[in-house]
Amino acid sequence: MSKKVDDLSQRIGTRVRIEREGRGWSLTDLATHSGVSRAMVHKLEHGDCSPTATLLARLSGALGLSMSQLIARAEMQEGRLLRKANQPVWIDPQTGYVRRHVSPPSNMPLDLVQIELPAGAQVPMPALTYVSRQQCLWVLHGSLVFMEGGTRHEMNEGDCLALGPPADCVFRNETSDNCTYAVIVLRST
């Protein structure tokens, strides 16, 4: 894992602590709201672990943020142009899922994220991640199976899906090739 990714994980942990404290929450409060153990929240905030996608989804949802917002607040530079070299990249240590925050910080209630999902990988996301936001998935390369609650969406290159009401979801790459897709998040303002 690169030093930049290690540093980003530490900045994410620091940002979780800042967001938690800004709400006047204890570690126990965030653990209760997110369903993540108090010990795991403590480890993340102190840089003692690399967060998984599922862990970040639970924490960001409990804080009323998208994963994009949480990572952006940990990493982003100001300005309307966000060059590829400066886009925050985070790698899920559990699945190898690569998440690149593409959109620059702005007052627009929109986040654009590019995901590379390795062959055979799957990433679950709790319904809490989708509360107060609308999202679309757009497959840029390969094939993606998106389980939205009990509904299976099989998506191929160029397909775009508007997500329905919040539900527990799973992103799956059931092929032997990597899949690249975009997540477009519209936040409530």
Protein backbone atom coordinates (compact mmCIF):
# COMPACT_ATOMS: atom_id res chain seq x y z
CA MET A 1 0.00 0.00 0.00
CA SER A 2 1.41 3.42 -0.90
CA LYS A 3 2.30 6.08 1.67
CA LYS A 4 -0.37 8.38 0.16
CA VAL A 5 -3.08 5.79 0.84
CA ASP A 6 -1.78 5.23 4.39
CA ASP A 7 -1.83 8.98 5.00
CA LEU A 8 -5.36 9.23 3.61
CA SER A 9 -6.57 6.49 5.97
CA GLN A 10 -5.10 8.43 8.89
CA ARG A 11 -6.71 11.69 7.67
CA ILE A 12 -10.05 9.89 7.33
CA GLY A 13 -9.76 8.70 10.93
CA THR A 14 -8.96 12.23 12.07
CA ARG A 15 -11.91 13.56 10.05
CA VAL A 16 -14.28 11.02 11.66
CA ARG A 17 -13.14 12.27 15.08
CA ILE A 18 -13.62 15.92 14.04
CA GLU A 19 -17.11 15.19 12.67
CA ARG A 20 -18.03 13.19 15.78
CA GLU A 21 -16.79 15.85 18.18
CA GLY A 22 -18.42 18.60 16.11
CA ARG A 23 -21.76 16.93 16.80
CA GLY A 24 -20.97 16.65 20.52
CA TRP A 25 -20.98 12.85 20.25
CA SER A 26 -18.94 10.44 22.33
CA LEU A 27 -17.35 7.35 20.84
CA THR A 28 -20.30 5.41 22.23
CA ASP A 29 -22.79 7.76 20.51
CA LEU A 30 -21.16 7.23 17.10
CA ALA A 31 -20.95 3.49 17.71
CA THR A 32 -24.67 3.39 18.54
CA HIS A 33 -25.68 5.48 15.50
CA SER A 34 -23.48 3.54 13.07
CA GLY A 35 -23.60 -0.03 14.33
CA VAL A 36 -19.78 -0.03 14.43
CA SER A 37 -18.16 -1.09 17.70
CA ARG A 38 -16.78 1.61 19.96
CA ALA A 39 -13.38 -0.13 19.88
CA MET A 40 -13.31 -0.05 16.06
CA VAL A 41 -14.25 3.66 15.97
CA HIS A 42 -11.44 4.35 18.46
CA LYS A 43 -8.93 2.34 16.38
CA LEU A 44 -9.91 4.20 13.19
CA GLU A 45 -9.73 7.63 14.81
CA HIS A 46 -6.24 6.89 16.14
CA GLY A 47 -4.91 5.49 12.86
CA ASP A 48 -4.60 1.95 14.20
CA CYS A 49 -6.52 0.36 11.31
CA SER A 50 -7.28 0.85 7.63
CA PRO A 51 -11.05 1.29 7.20
CA THR A 52 -13.04 -0.96 4.90
CA ALA A 53 -15.67 0.37 2.51
CA THR A 54 -18.45 -1.07 4.68
CA LEU A 55 -17.03 0.56 7.81
CA LEU A 56 -16.76 3.96 6.09
CA ALA A 57 -20.28 3.61 4.72
CA ARG A 58 -21.69 2.97 8.19
CA LEU A 59 -19.78 5.83 9.82
CA SER A 60 -20.44 8.39 7.09
CA GLY A 61 -24.13 7.47 7.03
CA ALA A 62 -24.39 7.90 10.80
CA LEU A 63 -22.71 11.31 10.49
CA GLY A 64 -25.19 12.34 7.79
CA LEU A 65 -22.47 12.42 5.12
CA SER A 66 -21.86 10.46 1.97
CA MET A 67 -18.60 8.51 1.80
CA SER A 68 -17.59 11.06 -0.85
CA GLN A 69 -18.11 13.94 1.55
CA LEU A 70 -16.21 12.24 4.36
CA ILE A 71 -13.23 11.43 2.16
CA ALA A 72 -13.35 14.87 0.51
CA ARG A 73 -13.29 16.59 3.88
CA ALA A 74 -10.25 14.51 4.81
CA GLU A 75 -8.31 15.14 1.62
CA MET A 76 -9.56 17.78 -0.81
CA GLN A 77 -7.80 20.94 -1.82
CA GLU A 78 -9.75 24.10 -2.59
CA GLY A 79 -10.43 25.17 -6.18
CA ARG A 80 -12.82 24.44 -9.02
CA LEU A 81 -10.34 22.26 -10.95
CA LEU A 82 -9.38 18.96 -9.39
CA ARG A 83 -6.62 17.37 -11.44
CA LYS A 84 -6.40 13.59 -11.57
CA ALA A 85 -3.10 13.60 -9.68
CA ASN A 86 -4.81 15.43 -6.78
CA GLN A 87 -8.02 13.39 -6.66
CA PRO A 88 -8.27 11.48 -3.39
CA VAL A 89 -7.83 7.75 -3.93
CA TRP A 90 -8.74 5.25 -1.28
CA ILE A 91 -8.27 1.48 -1.47
CA ASP A 92 -10.42 -0.90 0.58
CA PRO A 93 -7.88 -3.16 2.32
CA GLN A 94 -10.41 -5.99 2.42
CA THR A 95 -11.46 -6.17 -1.27
CA GLY A 96 -8.95 -4.08 -3.23
CA TYR A 97 -11.83 -1.81 -4.31
CA VAL A 98 -10.33 1.49 -5.53
CA ARG A 99 -12.36 4.66 -4.94
CA ARG A 100 -11.38 7.93 -6.65
CA HIS A 101 -13.21 11.13 -5.72
CA VAL A 102 -13.39 12.93 -9.08
CA SER A 103 -15.50 16.07 -8.47
CA PRO A 104 -13.88 19.19 -7.03
CA PRO A 105 -15.22 20.74 -3.84
CA SER A 106 -18.04 23.17 -4.57
CA ASN A 107 -21.40 24.37 -3.37
CA MET A 108 -23.08 22.02 -5.82
CA PRO A 109 -24.89 19.20 -4.02
CA LEU A 110 -23.16 16.65 -6.28
CA ASP A 111 -20.32 14.18 -5.81
CA LEU A 112 -18.81 12.18 -8.67
CA VAL A 113 -16.84 9.08 -7.73
CA GLN A 114 -15.06 6.49 -9.89
CA ILE A 115 -14.84 2.94 -8.57
CA GLU A 116 -12.64 0.08 -9.77
CA LEU A 117 -14.05 -3.21 -8.50
CA PRO A 118 -11.62 -6.12 -8.88
CA ALA A 119 -12.69 -9.38 -10.51
CA GLY A 120 -14.66 -11.55 -8.10
CA ALA A 121 -14.96 -8.81 -5.45
CA GLN A 122 -18.10 -7.77 -3.65
CA VAL A 123 -18.72 -4.76 -1.38
CA PRO A 124 -21.81 -4.55 0.85
CA MET A 125 -23.25 -1.14 1.75
CA PRO A 126 -25.87 -0.62 4.46
CA ALA A 127 -29.11 1.26 3.75
CA LEU A 128 -27.90 4.01 6.09
CA THR A 129 -25.47 5.04 3.31
CA TYR A 130 -28.32 6.04 1.02
CA VAL A 131 -30.50 8.09 3.40
CA SER A 132 -30.97 11.74 2.32
CA ARG A 133 -29.22 11.28 -1.02
CA GLN A 134 -30.09 10.19 -4.51
CA GLN A 135 -27.59 8.16 -6.51
CA CYS A 136 -27.01 6.81 -9.99
CA LEU A 137 -24.59 4.06 -11.00
CA TRP A 138 -23.03 4.24 -14.46
CA VAL A 139 -20.91 1.31 -15.67
CA LEU A 140 -17.89 2.65 -17.59
CA HIS A 141 -16.13 -0.67 -18.26
CA GLY A 142 -16.98 -4.31 -17.63
CA SER A 143 -20.02 -5.74 -15.85
CA LEU A 144 -21.52 -5.06 -12.43
CA VAL A 145 -24.17 -6.88 -10.44
CA PHE A 146 -25.87 -4.52 -8.04
CA MET A 147 -28.07 -6.08 -5.38
CA GLU A 148 -30.52 -3.46 -4.13
CA GLY A 149 -32.35 -5.10 -1.26
CA GLY A 150 -33.78 -8.24 -2.90
CA THR A 151 -33.55 -6.89 -6.46
CA ARG A 152 -30.69 -7.98 -8.72
CA HIS A 153 -29.56 -5.49 -11.38
CA GLU A 154 -27.16 -6.91 -13.98
CA MET A 155 -25.38 -3.97 -15.60
CA ASN A 156 -22.97 -3.80 -18.53
CA GLU A 157 -20.80 -1.07 -20.02
CA GLY A 158 -22.84 2.10 -20.61
CA ASP A 159 -25.79 1.04 -18.42
CA CYS A 160 -26.99 3.58 -15.83
CA LEU A 161 -29.26 2.87 -12.85
CA ALA A 162 -31.04 5.35 -10.59
CA LEU A 163 -31.15 3.86 -7.10
CA GLY A 164 -34.48 3.44 -5.38
CA PRO A 165 -35.37 4.01 -1.71
CA PRO A 166 -32.63 3.22 0.83
CA ALA A 167 -31.93 -0.51 1.09
CA ASP A 168 -29.00 -2.70 2.05
CA CYS A 169 -26.99 -3.14 -1.15
CA VAL A 170 -24.11 -5.20 -2.50
CA PHE A 171 -21.84 -4.30 -5.41
CA ARG A 172 -20.53 -7.48 -7.10
CA ASN A 173 -18.13 -8.17 -9.90
CA GLU A 174 -18.96 -11.74 -10.88
CA THR A 175 -16.57 -11.73 -13.85
CA SER A 176 -12.86 -12.41 -14.28
CA ASP A 177 -12.20 -8.80 -15.43
CA ASN A 178 -12.11 -5.59 -13.41
CA CYS A 179 -15.19 -3.38 -13.50
CA THR A 180 -15.08 0.42 -13.51
CA TYR A 181 -18.18 2.41 -12.68
CA ALA A 182 -19.17 5.92 -11.63
CA VAL A 183 -21.33 6.81 -8.68
CA ILE A 184 -23.14 10.11 -9.01
CA VAL A 185 -24.44 11.31 -5.63
CA LEU A 186 -26.96 14.12 -5.27
CA ARG A 187 -26.98 15.30 -1.66
CA SER A 188 -29.92 17.01 -0.05
CA THR A 189 -29.08 20.63 0.66
